[in-house]
Amino acid sequence: MTDLKENKISFASIKENLEKRFSKDIQTPLVDAMLNYKASPMTGFHIPGHNRGLGVYPKFAELVGLDVLNIDTTDEFDNLGTLHPATGAIKEAQDLASRAYNTKRTFFVTGGSTIANLALAFALTNPNEEILIGRNCHRSVLTGLIISGAKVNWVIPKKLNDWAIFGNIEPDDIEQKLKTNRNIKLVWITNPTYEGVVSDVKSIAEICKKYKVALIVDEAHGCLWNFSAKLPASALELGADAVVHSLHKTGGAMTQASMLHLTKNSVFEEEKLTHALKLLHTTSPSLLLLASLDASRANLSSSVGQKMLDSAIENALYFREQAKTI
């Protein structure tokens, strides 16, 4: 067992150690493109106006570092590719993420899982349609339905009174709702909850298929689940049609960096989601955030990333056992 007290290591030594251990065969098309961009001797006559850090207040430059400012650009310039439509290194990075998560299509999102949820609601729900939603959903799900004009039909998770939090959503409650209300067009649940409670997504997905209703899972906090058998199975493998992952929460990407997945057997049309994401996204997506998604996927897919994840799980289990004694 790793003693948590032993983890006081400098960032420099971590970087040096990781660089030695990572295989040179790992593909990072967007990170590589950004490294080439950073090394290019150029003066930019385009946005952002700080001109690779030359026009920044000194204290801020000292805070974030000139390297960060040097690569703070958007997908409109310098042959780095575009996000909407996905081209170049950005498309290559998205395709690699799709392979890593075994999906039909994976979209990079730079406005957090909030934008992913808004896009799902905007693209896939219509005015006055009834959508069955877990009452413990993120507010972005409700905001999306407000935008689309769909009607909310609540399914209430079990309350864990000892902890004063919502628990899991019971498959029987989903079936009862679908059985008594054939107007429901879509089921949308949050799994895991923000407190870490896991529902039986496989059974819920089977019920949805029985009643010919699609299933969306906001799996924002479960982006690591595809990469360890010690963690719960991802909704991507359990029958959901679309899944949202916040790579910035636990996957190592920068804040606001998320992914939206369509599963292999999804009933949803790619074109509708592509259109919705284009409408809702900024037209100046940050290459820093996009590159961090490429890096996060590469890390999680590598043997080094697997060891880091195993160590994190081991430490979490150790902490849990120690906490029980308090």
Protein backbone atom coordinates (compact mmCIF):
# COMPACT_ATOMS: atom_id res chain seq x y z
CA MET A 1 0.00 0.00 0.00
CA THR A 2 1.32 3.42 -0.92
CA ASP A 3 1.57 5.70 2.09
CA LEU A 4 -0.20 8.94 1.23
CA LYS A 5 2.52 10.84 3.08
CA GLU A 6 5.08 9.60 0.57
CA ASN A 7 3.42 11.46 -2.33
CA LYS A 8 5.17 14.78 -1.70
CA ILE A 9 7.15 14.89 -4.95
CA SER A 10 8.12 17.95 -6.98
CA PHE A 11 6.34 18.60 -10.27
CA ALA A 12 9.69 18.68 -12.04
CA SER A 13 10.58 15.17 -10.89
CA ILE A 14 7.10 13.90 -11.84
CA LYS A 15 7.48 15.37 -15.36
CA GLU A 16 10.95 13.88 -15.80
CA ASN A 17 9.83 10.48 -14.54
CA LEU A 18 6.73 10.38 -16.77
CA GLU A 19 8.62 11.42 -19.89
CA LYS A 20 10.91 8.42 -19.44
CA ARG A 21 8.04 5.98 -18.92
CA PHE A 22 5.62 7.00 -21.68
CA SER A 23 5.93 5.10 -24.94
CA LYS A 24 6.92 7.14 -27.97
CA ASP A 25 4.28 5.19 -29.95
CA ILE A 26 1.33 6.91 -28.24
CA GLN A 27 -0.47 9.10 -30.76
CA THR A 28 -1.27 12.69 -29.80
CA PRO A 29 -2.01 14.49 -33.09
CA LEU A 30 -3.37 17.67 -31.55
CA VAL A 31 -0.68 17.95 -28.88
CA ASP A 32 1.95 17.44 -31.59
CA ALA A 33 0.34 20.10 -33.79
CA MET A 34 0.37 22.51 -30.86
CA LEU A 35 4.04 21.79 -30.19
CA ASN A 36 4.80 22.64 -33.82
CA TYR A 37 2.74 25.81 -33.52
CA LYS A 38 4.60 26.82 -30.37
CA ALA A 39 7.97 26.32 -32.09
CA SER A 40 7.01 28.38 -35.15
CA PRO A 41 8.84 31.75 -35.32
CA MET A 42 5.93 34.01 -36.19
CA THR A 43 3.98 37.10 -35.32
CA GLY A 44 0.23 36.62 -35.40
CA PHE A 45 -1.99 39.25 -37.01
CA HIS A 46 -5.14 37.61 -35.66
CA ILE A 47 -6.97 36.94 -32.43
CA PRO A 48 -6.28 36.51 -29.55
CA GLY A 49 -5.04 40.08 -29.31
CA HIS A 50 -2.45 39.44 -26.63
CA ASN A 51 -0.23 38.19 -29.52
CA ARG A 52 1.22 35.08 -27.89
CA GLY A 53 1.69 36.86 -24.57
CA LEU A 54 3.28 40.08 -25.76
CA GLY A 55 0.26 42.19 -24.84
CA VAL A 56 -0.52 40.75 -21.42
CA TYR A 57 -0.39 42.40 -18.01
CA PRO A 58 2.96 41.21 -16.50
CA LYS A 59 1.50 39.78 -13.29
CA PHE A 60 -0.89 37.59 -15.28
CA ALA A 61 1.94 36.44 -17.56
CA GLU A 62 3.95 35.53 -14.46
CA LEU A 63 0.96 33.66 -13.04
CA VAL A 64 0.21 31.43 -16.03
CA GLY A 65 3.57 31.44 -17.80
CA LEU A 66 4.53 32.60 -21.28
CA ASP A 67 4.34 29.02 -22.61
CA VAL A 68 0.60 28.96 -21.94
CA LEU A 69 0.08 32.34 -23.59
CA ASN A 70 2.23 31.30 -26.52
CA ILE A 71 -0.16 28.47 -27.42
CA ASP A 72 -3.40 30.21 -26.52
CA THR A 73 -5.02 30.27 -29.94
CA THR A 74 -8.25 29.15 -31.60
CA ASP A 75 -9.14 26.64 -34.30
CA GLU A 76 -9.46 29.31 -37.00
CA PHE A 77 -5.77 29.77 -37.75
CA ASP A 78 -2.39 28.15 -38.33
CA ASN A 79 -3.57 24.85 -39.88
CA LEU A 80 -4.37 23.24 -36.54
CA GLY A 81 -7.75 22.07 -37.81
CA THR A 82 -11.27 23.18 -36.96
CA LEU A 83 -13.78 21.93 -34.41
CA HIS A 84 -16.99 22.58 -36.38
CA PRO A 85 -16.71 20.84 -38.75
CA ALA A 86 -13.98 18.64 -37.27
CA THR A 87 -10.90 18.73 -39.50
CA GLY A 88 -7.14 18.27 -39.31
CA ALA A 89 -5.44 17.41 -36.03
CA ILE A 90 -8.65 18.08 -34.08
CA LYS A 91 -10.53 15.46 -36.10
CA GLU A 92 -7.67 12.99 -35.69
CA ALA A 93 -7.74 13.52 -31.91
CA GLN A 94 -11.53 13.04 -31.79
CA ASP A 95 -11.26 9.83 -33.82
CA LEU A 96 -8.63 8.47 -31.41
CA ALA A 97 -10.91 9.32 -28.48
CA SER A 98 -13.76 7.50 -30.22
CA ARG A 99 -11.55 4.42 -30.55
CA ALA A 100 -10.45 4.64 -26.91
CA TYR A 101 -14.06 4.79 -25.70
CA ASN A 102 -15.32 2.37 -28.40
CA THR A 103 -18.02 4.72 -29.70
CA LYS A 104 -19.71 5.46 -33.00
CA ARG A 105 -18.73 9.13 -32.69
CA THR A 106 -17.05 11.24 -30.02
CA PHE A 107 -17.30 15.04 -29.97
CA PHE A 108 -14.87 17.35 -28.15
CA VAL A 109 -16.64 20.00 -26.05
CA THR A 110 -14.95 23.13 -24.68
CA GLY A 111 -17.88 24.48 -22.65
CA GLY A 112 -17.97 21.65 -20.15
CA SER A 113 -20.59 18.93 -19.98
CA THR A 114 -23.10 21.77 -19.69
CA ILE A 115 -22.79 22.41 -23.44
CA ALA A 116 -22.96 18.67 -24.14
CA ASN A 117 -26.24 18.41 -22.21
CA LEU A 118 -27.64 21.54 -23.85
CA ALA A 119 -26.78 20.14 -27.28
CA LEU A 120 -28.46 16.80 -26.51
CA ALA A 121 -31.62 18.55 -25.38
CA PHE A 122 -31.60 21.01 -28.28
CA ALA A 123 -30.96 18.32 -30.91
CA LEU A 124 -33.04 15.44 -29.62
CA THR A 125 -36.11 16.84 -27.85
CA ASN A 126 -39.05 18.80 -29.25
CA PRO A 127 -41.67 21.18 -27.84
CA ASN A 128 -44.24 19.45 -25.58
CA GLU A 129 -42.51 16.05 -25.78
CA GLU A 130 -42.40 14.27 -22.42
CA ILE A 131 -38.88 13.45 -21.24
CA LEU A 132 -38.35 11.23 -18.20
CA ILE A 133 -35.61 12.82 -16.07
CA GLY A 134 -33.93 11.75 -12.85
CA ARG A 135 -34.75 14.39 -10.23
CA ASN A 136 -31.06 14.60 -9.28
CA CYS A 137 -30.04 15.81 -12.76
CA HIS A 138 -27.61 18.64 -13.43
CA ARG A 139 -29.21 22.02 -14.04
CA SER A 140 -27.88 22.04 -17.62
CA VAL A 141 -30.29 19.20 -18.45
CA LEU A 142 -33.21 21.33 -17.28
CA THR A 143 -31.85 24.38 -19.08
CA GLY A 144 -31.66 22.36 -22.28
CA LEU A 145 -35.27 21.26 -21.94
CA ILE A 146 -36.33 24.86 -21.27
CA ILE A 147 -34.64 25.81 -24.54
CA SER A 148 -36.27 22.97 -26.48
CA GLY A 149 -39.70 23.38 -24.90
CA ALA A 150 -39.96 19.72 -23.86
CA LYS A 151 -41.95 18.68 -20.79
CA VAL A 152 -40.26 17.16 -17.75
CA ASN A 153 -41.61 13.98 -16.22
CA TRP A 154 -39.71 13.25 -13.00
CA VAL A 155 -38.44 9.92 -11.74
CA ILE A 156 -37.45 10.33 -8.09
CA PRO A 157 -34.30 8.52 -6.91
CA LYS A 158 -34.35 6.67 -3.63
CA LYS A 159 -33.47 8.97 -0.70
CA LEU A 160 -30.62 7.85 1.55
CA ASN A 161 -31.84 9.43 4.76
CA ASP A 162 -28.74 8.56 6.81
CA TRP A 163 -26.70 10.72 4.44
CA ALA A 164 -29.42 13.20 3.36
CA ILE A 165 -28.64 12.60 -0.32
CA PHE A 166 -30.37 11.08 -3.33
CA GLY A 167 -29.48 7.46 -4.01
CA ASN A 168 -29.87 5.29 -7.08
CA ILE A 169 -32.71 5.29 -9.59
CA GLU A 170 -34.63 2.03 -9.46
CA PRO A 171 -35.21 0.25 -12.80
CA ASP A 172 -38.72 -0.67 -11.61
CA ASP A 173 -39.54 3.03 -11.27
CA ILE A 174 -38.43 3.63 -14.85
CA GLU A 175 -40.53 0.72 -16.10
CA GLN A 176 -43.58 1.84 -14.18
CA LYS A 177 -43.33 5.32 -15.69
CA LEU A 178 -42.90 3.98 -19.23
CA LYS A 179 -45.67 1.43 -18.78
CA THR A 180 -48.24 3.98 -17.63
CA ASN A 181 -47.21 6.83 -19.91
CA ARG A 182 -46.54 5.89 -23.52
CA ASN A 183 -46.00 9.56 -24.42
CA ILE A 184 -42.51 9.55 -22.91
CA LYS A 185 -39.99 9.91 -25.74
CA LEU A 186 -36.68 9.77 -23.91
CA VAL A 187 -35.13 8.73 -20.58
CA TRP A 188 -32.26 10.84 -19.16
CA ILE A 189 -30.46 9.86 -15.97
CA THR A 190 -27.37 10.96 -14.04
CA ASN A 191 -24.96 8.15 -13.18
CA PRO A 192 -22.94 8.24 -11.02
CA THR A 193 -24.55 10.90 -8.88
CA TYR A 194 -22.41 13.76 -7.62
CA GLU A 195 -22.05 11.83 -4.38
CA GLY A 196 -20.87 8.70 -6.20
CA VAL A 197 -24.03 6.58 -6.07
CA VAL A 198 -24.36 4.14 -8.99
CA SER A 199 -27.62 2.94 -10.55
CA ASP A 200 -28.28 -0.28 -12.49
CA VAL A 201 -27.86 1.26 -15.95
CA LYS A 202 -27.87 -2.10 -17.72
CA SER A 203 -31.36 -2.95 -16.45
CA ILE A 204 -32.59 0.59 -17.16
CA ALA A 205 -31.24 0.36 -20.73
CA GLU A 206 -32.97 -2.98 -21.27
CA ILE A 207 -36.27 -1.49 -20.07
CA CYS A 208 -35.84 1.49 -22.39
CA LYS A 209 -35.29 -0.83 -25.35
CA LYS A 210 -38.34 -2.85 -24.35
CA TYR A 211 -40.50 0.27 -24.64
CA LYS A 212 -38.56 1.59 -27.68
CA VAL A 213 -37.34 4.68 -25.82
CA ALA A 214 -33.79 6.07 -26.11
CA LEU A 215 -31.52 6.50 -23.08
CA ILE A 216 -29.09 9.33 -22.33
CA VAL A 217 -26.71 9.01 -19.39
CA ASP A 218 -25.00 12.07 -17.92
CA GLU A 219 -21.89 10.20 -16.79
CA ALA A 220 -19.90 13.36 -16.14
CA HIS A 221 -18.09 11.87 -13.16
CA GLY A 222 -17.50 8.46 -14.77
CA CYS A 223 -14.97 9.23 -17.50
CA LEU A 224 -12.43 6.83 -15.92
CA TRP A 225 -14.77 3.83 -15.90
CA ASN A 226 -13.75 2.60 -19.36
CA PHE A 227 -10.15 2.26 -18.25
CA SER A 228 -10.33 0.00 -15.18
CA ALA A 229 -12.12 -3.25 -14.38
CA LYS A 230 -12.00 -2.16 -10.73
CA LEU A 231 -14.51 0.61 -11.48
CA PRO A 232 -18.19 0.28 -12.46
CA ALA A 233 -18.99 -0.44 -16.11
CA SER A 234 -19.62 2.64 -18.24
CA ALA A 235 -23.03 3.37 -19.73
CA LEU A 236 -21.20 3.22 -23.08
CA GLU A 237 -21.04 -0.55 -22.58
CA LEU A 238 -24.45 -1.02 -20.93
CA GLY A 239 -26.89 0.06 -23.62
CA ALA A 240 -27.14 3.86 -23.46
CA ASP A 241 -27.54 5.79 -26.72
CA ALA A 242 -25.56 8.89 -25.71
CA VAL A 243 -23.14 9.51 -22.84
CA VAL A 244 -21.53 12.69 -21.51
CA HIS A 245 -18.08 12.66 -19.86
CA SER A 246 -16.36 15.50 -17.99
CA LEU A 247 -12.69 14.77 -18.68
CA HIS A 248 -11.77 17.84 -16.63
CA LYS A 249 -13.37 16.41 -13.48
CA THR A 250 -11.30 13.26 -13.05
CA GLY A 251 -9.64 12.54 -16.40
CA GLY A 252 -6.81 15.07 -16.22
CA ALA A 253 -8.04 17.53 -18.86
CA MET A 254 -8.30 21.28 -18.29
CA THR A 255 -11.40 22.90 -16.81
CA GLN A 256 -14.37 22.96 -19.25
CA ALA A 257 -12.95 20.12 -21.38
CA SER A 258 -15.54 17.39 -21.92
CA MET A 259 -16.62 14.74 -24.42
CA LEU A 260 -20.00 13.77 -25.84
CA HIS A 261 -20.29 10.20 -27.12
CA LEU A 262 -22.74 8.42 -29.38
CA THR A 263 -22.58 4.70 -28.67
CA LYS A 264 -22.08 2.04 -31.35
CA ASN A 265 -25.80 1.17 -31.42
CA SER A 266 -27.14 4.67 -30.80
CA VAL A 267 -30.48 5.56 -32.39
CA PHE A 268 -29.52 9.24 -32.54
CA GLU A 269 -28.43 10.97 -35.75
CA GLU A 270 -24.91 12.37 -35.79
CA GLU A 271 -25.92 15.28 -38.01
CA LYS A 272 -28.44 16.60 -35.48
CA LEU A 273 -25.86 16.66 -32.71
CA THR A 274 -23.21 18.16 -34.97
CA HIS A 275 -25.63 20.96 -35.87
CA ALA A 276 -26.61 21.58 -32.23
CA LEU A 277 -22.99 21.69 -31.02
CA LYS A 278 -22.11 24.14 -33.77
CA LEU A 279 -25.00 26.41 -32.76
CA LEU A 280 -24.21 26.31 -29.04
CA HIS A 281 -20.41 26.29 -29.06
CA THR A 282 -18.25 29.37 -29.15
CA THR A 283 -16.83 30.10 -32.60
CA SER A 284 -13.42 30.55 -30.94
CA PRO A 285 -12.83 27.27 -29.07
CA SER A 286 -9.66 27.16 -27.01
CA LEU A 287 -6.93 24.97 -28.49
CA LEU A 288 -5.54 24.61 -24.96
CA LEU A 289 -8.72 22.84 -23.88
CA LEU A 290 -8.93 20.73 -27.03
CA ALA A 291 -5.29 19.66 -26.74
CA SER A 292 -5.85 18.76 -23.09
CA LEU A 293 -8.59 16.34 -24.22
CA ASP A 294 -6.14 14.73 -26.65
CA ALA A 295 -3.56 14.47 -23.86
CA SER A 296 -6.08 13.10 -21.37
CA ARG A 297 -7.17 10.33 -23.75
CA ALA A 298 -3.53 9.44 -24.50
CA ASN A 299 -2.70 9.29 -20.80
CA LEU A 300 -5.69 7.16 -19.84
CA SER A 301 -5.04 4.75 -22.73
CA SER A 302 -1.37 4.23 -21.85
CA SER A 303 0.19 1.68 -19.54
CA VAL A 304 1.51 4.54 -17.40
CA GLY A 305 -1.98 6.01 -17.13
CA GLN A 306 -3.30 2.60 -16.12
CA LYS A 307 -0.77 2.41 -13.31
CA MET A 308 -1.66 5.92 -12.17
CA LEU A 309 -5.35 4.99 -12.13
CA ASP A 310 -4.67 1.76 -10.22
CA SER A 311 -2.68 3.75 -7.67
CA ALA A 312 -5.51 6.30 -7.29
CA ILE A 313 -8.05 3.51 -6.73
CA GLU A 314 -5.75 1.82 -4.24
CA ASN A 315 -5.30 5.04 -2.30
CA ALA A 316 -9.05 5.73 -2.35
CA LEU A 317 -9.79 2.27 -0.93
CA TYR A 318 -7.09 2.76 1.69
CA PHE A 319 -8.54 6.14 2.68
CA ARG A 320 -12.03 4.63 2.88
CA GLU A 321 -10.86 1.92 5.26
CA GLN A 322 -9.01 4.43 7.43
CA ALA A 323 -12.01 6.78 7.51
CA LYS A 324 -14.16 3.97 8.87
CA THR A 325 -12.07 3.98 12.05
CA ILE A 326 -12.78 7.63 12.84
